[in-house]
C-alpha atoms as a PDB file:
ATOM      1  CA  MET A   1      17.718  30.947   7.868  1.00  0.00           C
ATOM      2  CA  PHE A   2      15.184  33.654   7.296  1.00  0.00           C
ATOM      3  CA  GLU A   3      12.982  35.172  10.223  1.00  0.00           C
ATOM      4  CA  GLU A   4      10.280  36.472   7.920  1.00  0.00           C
ATOM      5  CA  LYS A   5       7.715  34.391   6.196  1.00  0.00           C
ATOM      6  CA  ASP A   6       8.987  32.752   2.829  1.00  0.00           C
ATOM      7  CA  ASP A   7       6.287  34.387   0.462  1.00  0.00           C
ATOM      8  CA  THR A   8       7.462  37.773   1.723  1.00  0.00           C
ATOM      9  CA  ILE A   9      11.087  36.775   1.025  1.00  0.00           C
ATOM     10  CA  MET A  10       9.964  35.705  -2.472  1.00  0.00           C
ATOM     11  CA  ALA A  11       8.224  39.095  -3.235  1.00  0.00           C
ATOM     12  CA  ARG A  12      11.119  41.059  -2.144  1.00  0.00           C
ATOM     13  CA  TRP A  13      13.652  38.860  -4.153  1.00  0.00           C
ATOM     14  CA  LEU A  14      11.603  39.316  -7.315  1.00  0.00           C
ATOM     15  CA  ALA A  15      11.429  42.955  -6.927  1.00  0.00           C
ATOM     16  CA  GLY A  16      14.952  43.176  -6.246  1.00  0.00           C
ATOM     17  CA  LYS A  17      14.723  44.602  -2.861  1.00  0.00           C
ATOM     18  CA  LEU A  18      16.793  42.191  -0.648  1.00  0.00           C
ATOM     19  CA  THR A  19      19.851  43.573   1.227  1.00  0.00           C
ATOM     20  CA  GLU A  20      23.199  42.289   0.168  1.00  0.00           C
ATOM     21  CA  ALA A  21      23.394  40.181   3.212  1.00  0.00           C
ATOM     22  CA  GLU A  22      19.759  38.899   2.704  1.00  0.00           C
ATOM     23  CA  ARG A  23      20.517  38.034  -0.826  1.00  0.00           C
ATOM     24  CA  ALA A  24      23.720  36.191   0.040  1.00  0.00           C
ATOM     25  CA  ASP A  25      21.985  34.205   2.607  1.00  0.00           C
ATOM     26  CA  PHE A  26      19.170  33.340   0.210  1.00  0.00           C
ATOM     27  CA  GLU A  27      21.342  32.447  -2.616  1.00  0.00           C
ATOM     28  CA  ALA A  28      23.080  29.867  -0.352  1.00  0.00           C
ATOM     29  CA  SER A  29      19.784  28.452   0.785  1.00  0.00           C
ATOM     30  CA  SER A  30      18.202  25.263  -0.537  1.00  0.00           C
ATOM     31  CA  GLU A  31      15.127  27.210  -1.665  1.00  0.00           C
ATOM     32  CA  HIS A  32      17.020  29.350  -4.242  1.00  0.00           C
ATOM     33  CA  GLU A  33      16.711  26.826  -7.103  1.00  0.00           C
ATOM     34  CA  GLU A  34      13.059  26.539  -6.561  1.00  0.00           C
ATOM     35  CA  TYR A  35      12.745  30.453  -6.626  1.00  0.00           C
ATOM     36  CA  LEU A  36      14.628  30.617  -9.780  1.00  0.00           C
ATOM     37  CA  ARG A  37      12.457  28.030 -11.443  1.00  0.00           C
ATOM     38  CA  LEU A  38       9.232  29.824 -10.455  1.00  0.00           C
ATOM     39  CA  ALA A  39      10.649  33.173 -11.453  1.00  0.00           C
ATOM     40  CA  GLU A  40      11.527  31.682 -14.897  1.00  0.00           C
ATOM     41  CA  SER A  41       7.993  30.518 -15.411  1.00  0.00           C
ATOM     42  CA  LEU A  42       6.610  34.041 -14.747  1.00  0.00           C
ATOM     43  CA  LYS A  43       8.393  35.222 -17.997  1.00  0.00           C
ATOM     44  CA  ALA A  44       5.801  33.415 -20.114  1.00  0.00           C
ATOM     45  CA  PHE A  45       3.354  35.978 -18.923  1.00  0.00           C
ATOM     46  CA  GLU A  46       5.262  39.209 -19.428  1.00  0.00           C
ATOM     47  CA  LYS A  47       3.551  41.795 -21.424  1.00  0.00           C
ATOM     48  CA  PRO A  48       5.205  42.128 -24.877  1.00  0.00           C
ATOM     49  CA  THR A  49       7.041  45.176 -25.791  1.00  0.00           C
ATOM     50  CA  PHE A  50       6.135  47.459 -28.775  1.00  0.00           C
ATOM     51  CA  ASP A  51       6.937  50.561 -30.728  1.00  0.00           C
ATOM     52  CA  LYS A  52       4.662  53.282 -29.170  1.00  0.00           C
ATOM     53  CA  GLU A  53       5.240  55.847 -31.906  1.00  0.00           C
ATOM     54  CA  ALA A  54       4.609  53.408 -34.738  1.00  0.00           C
ATOM     55  CA  LEU A  55       1.344  52.130 -33.048  1.00  0.00           C
ATOM     56  CA  ARG A  56       0.247  55.787 -32.680  1.00  0.00           C
ATOM     57  CA  GLU A  57       0.904  56.538 -36.247  1.00  0.00           C
ATOM     58  CA  ARG A  58      -0.942  53.430 -37.414  1.00  0.00           C
ATOM     59  CA  VAL A  59      -4.053  54.284 -35.219  1.00  0.00           C
ATOM     60  CA  TRP A  60      -4.249  57.880 -36.438  1.00  0.00           C
ATOM     61  CA  ARG A  61      -4.227  56.694 -40.115  1.00  0.00           C
ATOM     62  CA  GLY A  62      -6.940  54.392 -39.482  1.00  0.00           C
ATOM     63  CA  ILE A  63      -9.062  57.171 -37.858  1.00  0.00           C
ATOM     64  CA  GLU A  64      -8.498  59.535 -40.659  1.00  0.00           C
ATOM     65  CA  SER A  65      -9.538  57.058 -43.370  1.00  0.00           C
ATOM     66  CA  GLN A  66     -12.837  56.407 -41.631  1.00  0.00           C
ATOM     67  CA  LYS A  67     -15.893  58.507 -42.295  1.00  0.00           C
ATOM     68  CA  THR A  68     -17.371  57.793 -38.899  1.00  0.00           C
ATOM     69  CA  THR A  69     -14.802  57.740 -36.130  1.00  0.00           C
ATOM     70  CA  LYS A  70     -14.903  54.952 -33.384  1.00  0.00           C
ATOM     71  CA  VAL A  71     -12.721  55.116 -30.411  1.00  0.00           C
ATOM     72  CA  ILE A  72     -11.516  51.654 -29.311  1.00  0.00           C
ATOM     73  CA  ARG A  73      -9.778  51.442 -25.860  1.00  0.00           C
ATOM     74  CA  LEU A  74      -7.105  48.960 -25.697  1.00  0.00           C
ATOM     75  CA  LYS A  75      -7.626  46.820 -22.603  1.00  0.00           C
ATOM     76  CA  THR A  76      -4.954  44.937 -20.515  1.00  0.00           C
ATOM     77  CA  PHE A  77      -7.422  42.139 -19.898  1.00  0.00           C
ATOM     78  CA  TYR A  78      -5.353  39.262 -21.226  1.00  0.00           C
ATOM     79  CA  TYR A  79      -2.245  40.578 -19.550  1.00  0.00           C
ATOM     80  CA  THR A  80      -4.186  40.600 -16.187  1.00  0.00           C
ATOM     81  CA  ILE A  81      -5.365  37.079 -16.909  1.00  0.00           C
ATOM     82  CA  GLY A  82      -1.606  36.196 -17.553  1.00  0.00           C
ATOM     83  CA  ILE A  83      -0.468  37.739 -14.307  1.00  0.00           C
ATOM     84  CA  ALA A  84      -3.208  36.149 -12.257  1.00  0.00           C
ATOM     85  CA  ALA A  85      -2.440  32.721 -13.802  1.00  0.00           C
ATOM     86  CA  SER A  86       1.216  33.053 -13.030  1.00  0.00           C
ATOM     87  CA  LEU A  87       0.391  33.901  -9.388  1.00  0.00           C
ATOM     88  CA  LEU A  88      -1.786  30.942  -9.224  1.00  0.00           C
ATOM     89  CA  LEU A  89       0.878  28.755 -10.512  1.00  0.00           C
ATOM     90  CA  LEU A  90       3.466  30.375  -8.103  1.00  0.00           C
ATOM     91  CA  PHE A  91       1.250  29.806  -5.098  1.00  0.00           C
ATOM     92  CA  GLY A  92       0.016  26.504  -6.242  1.00  0.00           C
ATOM     93  CA  LEU A  93       3.637  25.270  -6.420  1.00  0.00           C
ATOM     94  CA  PHE A  94       4.938  26.932  -3.288  1.00  0.00           C
ATOM     95  CA  PHE A  95       2.074  25.782  -1.048  1.00  0.00           C
ATOM     96  CA  ASN A  96       1.575  22.257  -2.432  1.00  0.00           C
ATOM     97  CA  ARG A  97       1.953  19.640   0.085  1.00  0.00           C
ATOM     98  CA  VAL A  98       3.519  16.120  -0.293  1.00  0.00           C
ATOM     99  CA  ASN A  99       1.253  13.236   0.645  1.00  0.00           C
ATOM    100  CA  TYR A 100       2.140   9.643   1.354  1.00  0.00           C
ATOM    101  CA  SER A 101      -0.526   7.020   1.968  1.00  0.00           C
ATOM    102  CA  THR A 102      -0.788   3.273   2.525  1.00  0.00           C
ATOM    103  CA  GLY A 103      -3.833   1.048   1.856  1.00  0.00           C
ATOM    104  CA  VAL A 104      -5.186  -2.037   3.754  1.00  0.00           C
ATOM    105  CA  GLY A 105      -2.323  -4.126   4.910  1.00  0.00           C
ATOM    106  CA  GLU A 106       0.305  -1.940   3.198  1.00  0.00           C
ATOM    107  CA  LYS A 107       3.385  -0.375   4.948  1.00  0.00           C
ATOM    108  CA  LEU A 108       5.736   2.354   3.594  1.00  0.00           C
ATOM    109  CA  LEU A 109       9.125   3.705   4.550  1.00  0.00           C
ATOM    110  CA  VAL A 110       9.402   7.521   3.892  1.00  0.00           C
ATOM    111  CA  GLU A 111      12.494   9.583   4.204  1.00  0.00           C
ATOM    112  CA  LEU A 112      11.835  13.369   4.910  1.00  0.00           C
ATOM    113  CA  PRO A 113      14.146  16.200   3.486  1.00  0.00           C
ATOM    114  CA  ASP A 114      16.283  16.310   6.743  1.00  0.00           C
ATOM    115  CA  GLY A 115      16.930  12.404   6.666  1.00  0.00           C
ATOM    116  CA  THR A 116      14.191  11.641   9.147  1.00  0.00           C
ATOM    117  CA  SER A 117      12.692   8.159   8.510  1.00  0.00           C
ATOM    118  CA  VAL A 118       9.131   7.527   8.861  1.00  0.00           C
ATOM    119  CA  TYR A 119       7.632   4.042   8.632  1.00  0.00           C
ATOM    120  CA  LEU A 120       4.040   4.350   7.903  1.00  0.00           C
ATOM    121  CA  ASN A 121       1.648   1.377   9.010  1.00  0.00           C
ATOM    122  CA  ALA A 122      -1.333   0.265   7.085  1.00  0.00           C
ATOM    123  CA  LYS A 123      -4.192   2.808   6.133  1.00  0.00           C
ATOM    124  CA  SER A 124      -2.190   5.757   7.223  1.00  0.00           C
ATOM    125  CA  THR A 125      -1.445   9.260   5.603  1.00  0.00           C
ATOM    126  CA  LEU A 126       1.549  11.497   6.197  1.00  0.00           C
ATOM    127  CA  THR A 127       1.607  15.001   4.759  1.00  0.00           C
ATOM    128  CA  HIS A 128       4.214  17.929   4.925  1.00  0.00           C
ATOM    129  CA  ASN A 129       5.065  21.151   2.946  1.00  0.00           C
ATOM    130  CA  ARG A 130       6.970  20.626  -0.294  1.00  0.00           C
ATOM    131  CA  PHE A 131       9.311  23.508   0.111  1.00  0.00           C
ATOM    132  CA  PHE A 132      11.051  25.303   3.046  1.00  0.00           C
ATOM    133  CA  TRP A 133      11.330  22.294   5.002  1.00  0.00           C
ATOM    134  CA  ASN A 134      14.107  23.740   7.385  1.00  0.00           C
ATOM    135  CA  ASN A 135      11.874  26.474   8.311  1.00  0.00           C
ATOM    136  CA  ASN A 136       8.762  24.473   9.042  1.00  0.00           C
ATOM    137  CA  LYS A 137       9.748  20.706  10.192  1.00  0.00           C
ATOM    138  CA  GLU A 138       6.060  19.889  10.641  1.00  0.00           C
ATOM    139  CA  VAL A 139       4.101  16.770   9.403  1.00  0.00           C
ATOM    140  CA  ALA A 140       0.516  15.732   9.772  1.00  0.00           C
ATOM    141  CA  LEU A 141      -0.370  12.144  10.538  1.00  0.00           C
ATOM    142  CA  ASP A 142      -3.673  10.328  10.152  1.00  0.00           C
ATOM    143  CA  GLY A 143      -3.041   6.668  11.124  1.00  0.00           C
ATOM    144  CA  GLU A 144       0.135   5.154  12.767  1.00  0.00           C
ATOM    145  CA  ALA A 145       3.857   5.768  12.025  1.00  0.00           C
ATOM    146  CA  TYR A 146       7.345   5.147  13.524  1.00  0.00           C
ATOM    147  CA  PHE A 147       9.545   8.039  13.634  1.00  0.00           C
ATOM    148  CA  SER A 148      13.320   8.154  13.697  1.00  0.00           C
ATOM    149  CA  VAL A 149      14.072  11.754  13.780  1.00  0.00           C
ATOM    150  CA  THR A 150      17.631  13.222  12.998  1.00  0.00           C
ATOM    151  CA  LYS A 151      19.229  15.767  15.429  1.00  0.00           C
ATOM    152  CA  GLY A 152      17.642  19.172  15.130  1.00  0.00           C
ATOM    153  CA  ASP A 153      14.997  21.549  16.417  1.00  0.00           C
ATOM    154  CA  ASP A 154      11.336  21.965  16.142  1.00  0.00           C
ATOM    155  CA  PHE A 155      10.352  18.747  14.511  1.00  0.00           C
ATOM    156  CA  LYS A 156       6.465  18.292  15.141  1.00  0.00           C
ATOM    157  CA  VAL A 157       3.820  15.761  14.376  1.00  0.00           C
ATOM    158  CA  ASN A 158       0.229  16.995  14.196  1.00  0.00           C
ATOM    159  CA  THR A 159      -2.641  14.613  14.684  1.00  0.00           C
ATOM    160  CA  GLN A 160      -6.369  15.086  15.367  1.00  0.00           C
ATOM    161  CA  SER A 161      -5.844  14.318  18.929  1.00  0.00           C
ATOM    162  CA  GLY A 162      -2.914  16.676  19.599  1.00  0.00           C
ATOM    163  CA  SER A 163       0.739  17.346  18.640  1.00  0.00           C
ATOM    164  CA  VAL A 164       3.916  15.502  19.376  1.00  0.00           C
ATOM    165  CA  SER A 165       7.089  17.692  19.693  1.00  0.00           C
ATOM    166  CA  VAL A 166      10.504  15.976  19.394  1.00  0.00           C
ATOM    167  CA  LEU A 167      12.963  16.470  22.083  1.00  0.00           C
ATOM    168  CA  GLY A 168      14.614  13.093  21.263  1.00  0.00           C
ATOM    169  CA  THR A 169      14.649  10.741  18.178  1.00  0.00           C
ATOM    170  CA  GLU A 170      12.454   7.616  18.095  1.00  0.00           C
ATOM    171  CA  PHE A 171       8.844   7.379  18.879  1.00  0.00           C
ATOM    172  CA  ASN A 172       5.621   5.677  17.512  1.00  0.00           C
ATOM    173  CA  VAL A 173       2.245   7.448  17.078  1.00  0.00           C
ATOM    174  CA  ARG A 174      -1.047   5.854  16.507  1.00  0.00           C
ATOM    175  CA  SER A 175      -3.723   8.362  15.678  1.00  0.00           C
ATOM    176  CA  ARG A 176      -6.943   6.902  14.292  1.00  0.00           C
ATOM    177  CA  ARG A 177     -10.658   7.552  14.530  1.00  0.00           C
ATOM    178  CA  LEU A 178     -11.033   5.779  17.887  1.00  0.00           C
ATOM    179  CA  THR A 179      -7.432   5.637  19.141  1.00  0.00           C
ATOM    180  CA  PHE A 180      -4.500   7.747  20.160  1.00  0.00           C
ATOM    181  CA  GLU A 181      -1.319   6.239  21.427  1.00  0.00           C
ATOM    182  CA  LEU A 182       2.276   7.542  21.845  1.00  0.00           C
ATOM    183  CA  TYR A 183       5.234   5.324  22.723  1.00  0.00           C
ATOM    184  CA  CYS A 184       8.663   6.623  23.266  1.00  0.00           C
ATOM    185  CA  TYR A 185      11.610   4.336  22.313  1.00  0.00           C
ATOM    186  CA  GLU A 186      14.616   6.733  22.509  1.00  0.00           C
ATOM    187  CA  GLY A 187      15.243  10.273  23.591  1.00  0.00           C
ATOM    188  CA  ARG A 188      12.292  12.303  24.664  1.00  0.00           C
ATOM    189  CA  VAL A 189       8.998  13.743  23.193  1.00  0.00           C
ATOM    190  CA  ARG A 190       6.233  15.988  24.316  1.00  0.00           C
ATOM    191  CA  TYR A 191       2.587  15.416  23.852  1.00  0.00           C
ATOM    192  CA  ASP A 192       0.198  18.408  23.833  1.00  0.00           C
ATOM    193  CA  ASN A 193      -3.643  18.673  23.447  1.00  0.00           C
ATOM    194  CA  ALA A 194      -4.575  22.247  23.658  1.00  0.00           C
ATOM    195  CA  ASP A 195      -8.280  21.525  23.360  1.00  0.00           C
ATOM    196  CA  LYS A 196      -8.134  19.308  26.455  1.00  0.00           C
ATOM    197  CA  GLN A 197      -5.368  21.232  28.082  1.00  0.00           C
ATOM    198  CA  GLN A 198      -3.254  18.038  28.525  1.00  0.00           C
ATOM    199  CA  GLN A 199       0.590  17.637  28.289  1.00  0.00           C
ATOM    200  CA  SER A 200       2.742  15.052  28.984  1.00  0.00           C
ATOM    201  CA  TYR A 201       6.633  14.433  28.634  1.00  0.00           C
ATOM    202  CA  LEU A 202       7.898  11.045  27.721  1.00  0.00           C
ATOM    203  CA  ASN A 203      11.365   9.329  27.985  1.00  0.00           C
ATOM    204  CA  ALA A 204      12.379   6.139  26.523  1.00  0.00           C
ATOM    205  CA  GLY A 205       9.954   3.388  27.999  1.00  0.00           C
ATOM    206  CA  ASP A 206       7.104   5.735  28.507  1.00  0.00           C
ATOM    207  CA  ALA A 207       3.808   5.758  26.689  1.00  0.00           C
ATOM    208  CA  VAL A 208       0.443   7.590  26.676  1.00  0.00           C
ATOM    209  CA  GLN A 209      -2.979   6.534  25.550  1.00  0.00           C
ATOM    210  CA  LEU A 210      -6.303   8.568  25.243  1.00  0.00           C
ATOM    211  CA  GLN A 211      -9.280   6.844  26.645  1.00  0.00           C
ATOM    212  CA  GLY A 212     -12.060   9.225  25.815  1.00  0.00           C
ATOM    213  CA  ASP A 213     -11.001  12.453  27.506  1.00  0.00           C
ATOM    214  CA  ILE A 214      -8.698  10.821  29.882  1.00  0.00           C
ATOM    215  CA  LEU A 215      -4.844  10.639  29.223  1.00  0.00           C
ATOM    216  CA  LEU A 216      -3.371   7.467  30.681  1.00  0.00           C
ATOM    217  CA  GLU A 217       0.522   7.397  31.291  1.00  0.00           C
ATOM    218  CA  PHE A 218       2.186   4.080  31.463  1.00  0.00           C
ATOM    219  CA  LYS A 219       5.473   2.099  31.026  1.00  0.00           C
ATOM    220  CA  HIS A 220       6.334  -0.273  28.104  1.00  0.00           C
ATOM    221  CA  LEU A 221       9.208  -2.743  27.597  1.00  0.00           C
ATOM    222  CA  ASP A 222       9.070  -2.722  23.754  1.00  0.00           C
ATOM    223  CA  THR A 223      12.230  -1.987  21.745  1.00  0.00           C
ATOM    224  CA  ILE A 224      10.168  -1.552  18.496  1.00  0.00           C
ATOM    225  CA  PRO A 225       6.442  -1.228  17.644  1.00  0.00           C
ATOM    226  CA  GLY A 226       4.835  -4.606  17.322  1.00  0.00           C
ATOM    227  CA  TRP A 227       3.437  -3.938  13.930  1.00  0.00           C
ATOM    228  CA  GLN A 228       6.904  -3.761  12.425  1.00  0.00           C
ATOM    229  CA  SER A 229       7.214  -7.458  13.272  1.00  0.00           C
ATOM    230  CA  GLU A 230       3.797  -8.050  11.615  1.00  0.00           C
ATOM    231  CA  LEU A 231       2.029  -8.043  15.059  1.00  0.00           C
ATOM    232  CA  SER A 232      -0.535  -5.802  16.748  1.00  0.00           C
ATOM    233  CA  ARG A 233      -0.479  -5.848  20.502  1.00  0.00           C
ATOM    234  CA  PHE A 234      -3.004  -4.400  22.935  1.00  0.00           C
ATOM    235  CA  SER A 235      -3.227  -3.825  26.663  1.00  0.00           C
ATOM    236  CA  ASN A 236      -6.809  -3.315  27.966  1.00  0.00           C
ATOM    237  CA  THR A 237      -7.901  -1.819  24.794  1.00  0.00           C
ATOM    238  CA  ALA A 238     -11.498  -1.559  23.933  1.00  0.00           C
ATOM    239  CA  LEU A 239     -12.561  -4.485  21.642  1.00  0.00           C
ATOM    240  CA  ILE A 240     -14.170  -2.108  19.088  1.00  0.00           C
ATOM    241  CA  GLN A 241     -10.734  -0.345  18.549  1.00  0.00           C
ATOM    242  CA  VAL A 242      -9.018  -3.863  18.139  1.00  0.00           C
ATOM    243  CA  MET A 243     -11.734  -4.652  15.581  1.00  0.00           C
ATOM    244  CA  GLU A 244     -10.822  -1.542  13.698  1.00  0.00           C
ATOM    245  CA  GLU A 245      -7.112  -2.476  13.659  1.00  0.00           C
ATOM    246  CA  LEU A 246      -8.253  -5.932  12.195  1.00  0.00           C
ATOM    247  CA  LYS A 247     -10.051  -4.020   9.394  1.00  0.00           C
ATOM    248  CA  ILE A 248      -6.791  -1.991   8.658  1.00  0.00           C
ATOM    249  CA  HIS A 249      -4.704  -5.172   8.217  1.00  0.00           C
ATOM    250  CA  TYR A 250      -7.217  -7.319   6.442  1.00  0.00           C
ATOM    251  CA  ASP A 251      -9.968  -6.094   4.169  1.00  0.00           C
ATOM    252  CA  ILE A 252     -12.834  -7.274   6.213  1.00  0.00           C
ATOM    253  CA  SER A 253     -16.122  -5.887   7.749  1.00  0.00           C
ATOM    254  CA  PHE A 254     -17.971  -7.039  10.911  1.00  0.00           C
ATOM    255  CA  ASP A 255     -21.621  -7.923  11.483  1.00  0.00           C
ATOM    256  CA  TYR A 256     -22.512  -7.991  15.234  1.00  0.00           C
ATOM    257  CA  GLU A 257     -24.678  -6.651  17.907  1.00  0.00           C
ATOM    258  CA  PRO A 258     -23.209  -3.584  19.649  1.00  0.00           C
ATOM    259  CA  SER A 259     -23.554  -4.954  23.205  1.00  0.00           C
ATOM    260  CA  LEU A 260     -21.370  -7.938  22.106  1.00  0.00           C
ATOM    261  CA  VAL A 261     -18.238  -5.834  21.688  1.00  0.00           C
ATOM    262  CA  GLU A 262     -18.222  -3.778  24.761  1.00  0.00           C
ATOM    263  CA  GLY A 263     -15.313  -5.484  26.507  1.00  0.00           C
ATOM    264  CA  HIS A 264     -11.560  -4.799  26.533  1.00  0.00           C
ATOM    265  CA  PHE A 265      -8.877  -7.007  25.079  1.00  0.00           C
ATOM    266  CA  THR A 266      -5.309  -7.788  26.114  1.00  0.00           C
ATOM    267  CA  GLY A 267      -3.314  -9.736  23.688  1.00  0.00           C
ATOM    268  CA  SER A 268      -2.033  -9.618  20.081  1.00  0.00           C
ATOM    269  CA  PHE A 269      -2.849 -10.615  16.470  1.00  0.00           C
ATOM    270  CA  VAL A 270      -0.684 -11.432  13.420  1.00  0.00           C
ATOM    271  CA  HIS A 271      -0.780  -9.495  10.157  1.00  0.00           C
ATOM    272  CA  ASP A 272      -0.331 -12.475   7.876  1.00  0.00           C
ATOM    273  CA  ASP A 273      -2.927 -14.915   8.737  1.00  0.00           C
ATOM    274  CA  LEU A 274      -6.694 -13.810   8.953  1.00  0.00           C
ATOM    275  CA  GLU A 275      -7.917 -17.064  10.641  1.00  0.00           C
ATOM    276  CA  LEU A 276      -5.321 -17.042  13.255  1.00  0.00           C
ATOM    277  CA  ALA A 277      -5.806 -13.345  13.830  1.00  0.00           C
ATOM    278  CA  LEU A 278      -9.520 -13.799  14.335  1.00  0.00           C
ATOM    279  CA  LYS A 279      -9.007 -16.727  16.691  1.00  0.00           C
ATOM    280  CA  SER A 280      -6.395 -14.702  18.804  1.00  0.00           C
ATOM    281  CA  VAL A 281      -8.821 -11.920  19.337  1.00  0.00           C
ATOM    282  CA  PHE A 282     -12.345 -13.550  19.646  1.00  0.00           C
ATOM    283  CA  VAL A 283     -11.645 -16.749  21.378  1.00  0.00           C
ATOM    284  CA  PRO A 284     -10.190 -15.274  24.611  1.00  0.00           C
ATOM    285  CA  MET A 285     -13.311 -12.841  24.579  1.00  0.00           C
ATOM    286  CA  ASN A 286     -15.697 -15.875  24.397  1.00  0.00           C
ATOM    287  CA  ILE A 287     -17.125 -14.643  21.094  1.00  0.00           C
ATOM    288  CA  VAL A 288     -18.009 -16.939  18.213  1.00  0.00           C
ATOM    289  CA  TYR A 289     -16.855 -15.721  14.933  1.00  0.00           C
ATOM    290  CA  GLU A 290     -17.697 -17.001  11.382  1.00  0.00           C
ATOM    291  CA  LEU A 291     -15.834 -15.802   8.131  1.00  0.00           C
ATOM    292  CA  SER A 292     -17.844 -15.696   4.861  1.00  0.00           C
ATOM    293  CA  GLU A 293     -16.654 -17.699   1.914  1.00  0.00           C
ATOM    294  CA  ASP A 294     -15.246 -14.652   0.236  1.00  0.00           C
ATOM    295  CA  GLN A 295     -13.287 -13.812   3.373  1.00  0.00           C
ATOM    296  CA  LYS A 296     -14.648 -10.349   3.623  1.00  0.00           C
ATOM    297  CA  THR A 297     -17.384 -10.460   6.325  1.00  0.00           C
ATOM    298  CA  VAL A 298     -16.862 -11.632   9.864  1.00  0.00           C
ATOM    299  CA  THR A 299     -20.185 -12.342  11.815  1.00  0.00           C
ATOM    300  CA  LEU A 300     -19.997 -12.331  15.505  1.00  0.00           C
ATOM    301  CA  ASP A 301     -22.124 -13.984  18.104  1.00  0.00           C
ATOM    302  CA  LYS A 302     -22.306 -15.149  21.697  1.00  0.00           C
ATOM    303  CA  ARG A 303     -20.933 -18.580  22.690  1.00  0.00           C
END
């Protein structure tokens, strides 16, 4: 594994400046094939060769045949453009990121380059670098996902509410606009939020949740996340957050007075029956709901 940055390795390799040990190490790596392909693409922009003496002779003949001489400087503008274009292609390919997304009510199973499985919940996005996975095992998550990580070091999940470093294998992260939750199911993970100077180590059966700026630590008895069984579960969760989850699994919007949804909800709702889901959430909260004919808008009112 290289210690220096991969773009530096690329530049030294293209220039033929790697040591024998570095070259052997590089040619045995998984990135070698990608380097070769990109290097091959640069050949399309190489400056063409020409006969200097023949060119000089043709130029002088042209000058002598003219009554008024005019000196024309041959510019390398087009070759400069070619080189710039090749560099843009090179960096565009090497720093491009892979993106996986799910829509409303959709779920997706993703396998990362090292065999790690990521199961994305609805309305979630996962991104990671396309190349050099072994040197940078980091992913960015916006939404919710269950991770089953293969053995190895330095796997990290970055979210808008902090990062999760893997010290074990299986955990679930929910990072949405109003919510952050982390459940550990196997092994050990670490949660870090540098902005709020928060850190927590979680073993199997541990969980943390952000409520505003407060990090709550608690236990859970789940063996898998409820959403993998088409069920969303909540414990003393702000009702407005539960409503956001309803939007994620059903393509609906809400019409309500803000003071009506200030409470907290404990319970669950299913993902495959909108009427049952609405009843499960709002009846225990003593809130009347009405679903529009097109099943797109839910109006809430007091009982």
